[in-house]
Protein backbone atom coordinates (compact mmCIF):
# COMPACT_ATOMS: atom_id res chain seq x y z
CA MET A 1 2.99 -14.96 7.30
CA LYS A 2 5.91 -13.89 5.38
CA GLY A 3 5.67 -10.74 3.32
CA ARG A 4 7.43 -8.68 0.84
CA VAL A 5 7.09 -5.36 -0.91
CA THR A 6 7.71 -5.09 -4.67
CA VAL A 7 10.24 -2.61 -6.03
CA THR A 8 7.25 -1.02 -7.81
CA ALA A 9 5.49 -0.43 -4.54
CA PHE A 10 8.67 0.90 -3.06
CA GLU A 11 9.10 3.33 -5.91
CA GLU A 12 5.50 4.33 -5.77
CA LEU A 13 5.67 5.09 -2.11
CA ALA A 14 8.99 7.13 -2.68
CA GLU A 15 7.04 9.17 -5.44
CA ILE A 16 4.14 9.82 -3.14
CA HIS A 17 6.61 11.02 -0.34
CA ALA A 18 8.50 13.15 -2.76
CA TYR A 19 5.34 14.74 -4.20
CA ILE A 20 3.87 15.58 -0.81
CA ALA A 21 7.21 16.88 0.61
CA LYS A 22 7.48 19.55 -1.96
CA GLU A 23 4.83 21.31 0.03
CA ASN A 24 4.96 19.70 3.42
CA GLU A 25 7.68 17.41 4.77
CA THR A 26 5.84 16.66 7.96
CA ALA A 27 2.80 15.59 6.11
CA ALA A 28 4.77 13.41 3.75
CA ARG A 29 6.33 11.58 6.67
CA LEU A 30 2.98 11.13 8.24
CA VAL A 31 1.60 9.49 5.08
CA ARG A 32 4.73 7.29 4.70
CA SER A 33 4.49 6.29 8.37
CA ARG A 34 0.82 5.36 8.02
CA VAL A 35 1.46 3.29 4.79
CA GLU A 36 4.10 1.47 6.47
CA GLU A 37 1.89 0.68 9.53
CA LEU A 38 -0.73 -0.63 7.35
CA ILE A 39 1.61 -2.80 5.52
CA GLU A 40 2.76 -4.45 8.65
CA ARG A 41 -0.97 -4.97 9.57
CA ILE A 42 -1.54 -6.71 6.18
CA PHE A 43 1.47 -8.84 6.76
CA GLU A 44 -0.08 -9.82 10.27
CA PHE A 45 -3.67 -10.13 9.00
CA PRO A 46 -3.51 -10.88 5.20
CA LEU A 47 -7.19 -11.35 4.80
CA ILE A 48 -8.19 -8.14 6.25
CA ALA A 49 -9.25 -6.52 2.91
CA PRO A 50 -11.61 -7.94 0.34
CA ALA A 51 -10.34 -9.46 -2.97
CA LEU A 52 -11.13 -7.64 -6.12
CA ASN A 53 -13.20 -9.97 -8.47
CA ASP A 54 -11.32 -13.16 -9.29
CA THR A 55 -7.93 -11.61 -9.71
CA GLY A 56 -6.92 -12.25 -6.05
CA VAL A 57 -5.61 -8.74 -5.81
CA ARG A 58 -6.74 -7.19 -2.57
CA VAL A 59 -7.16 -3.48 -1.72
CA PHE A 60 -6.55 -1.73 1.58
CA PRO A 61 -7.17 2.01 2.07
CA VAL A 62 -4.79 4.17 3.72
CA ARG A 63 -7.21 6.14 5.76
CA PRO A 64 -7.57 9.00 6.33
CA PHE A 65 -5.38 9.55 3.34
CA PRO A 66 -6.48 9.15 -0.29
CA PHE A 67 -4.20 6.14 -1.14
CA LEU A 68 -4.66 2.40 -1.57
CA VAL A 69 -2.28 -0.61 -1.01
CA PHE A 70 -2.77 -3.42 -3.49
CA TYR A 71 -1.47 -6.83 -2.53
CA THR A 72 -1.94 -10.61 -3.05
CA VAL A 73 -1.88 -13.50 -0.57
CA GLY A 74 -0.16 -16.53 -1.63
CA LYS A 75 0.00 -19.88 0.15
CA ARG A 76 3.48 -18.82 1.93
CA GLU A 77 3.59 -14.92 1.55
CA VAL A 78 1.84 -11.74 1.18
CA ILE A 79 3.13 -9.48 -1.61
CA ILE A 80 2.64 -5.64 -1.59
CA ARG A 81 2.34 -4.91 -5.39
CA ASN A 82 1.26 -1.29 -5.58
CA ILE A 83 0.73 1.72 -3.43
CA ARG A 84 -1.42 4.32 -5.38
CA TYR A 85 -3.35 7.54 -5.14
CA ALA A 86 -7.02 6.61 -4.87
CA GLY A 87 -7.88 8.79 -7.89
CA ARG A 88 -5.55 6.98 -10.09
CA MET A 89 -6.23 4.21 -12.25
CA ARG A 90 -5.90 0.84 -10.68
CA PRO A 91 -3.02 -1.55 -11.70
């Protein structure tokens, strides 16, 4: 299935990377790499995560890190909407 990442999600990932990189560049690259791997997995298997109530938004955890990928599945494409710290309020 076709997939895309919103500008918001790209910006959130860049912010996460920058925040972690202040203390540890290697860890920042590891987190970013893990998120990118999971996005590819979501594009390949879009129903891998459960939908939250009836909004259609799905949430996939970035294990072992405390981040979540929020996405929706349409008829023709998967849209990565947000990438957030798990302790932050949901979108």
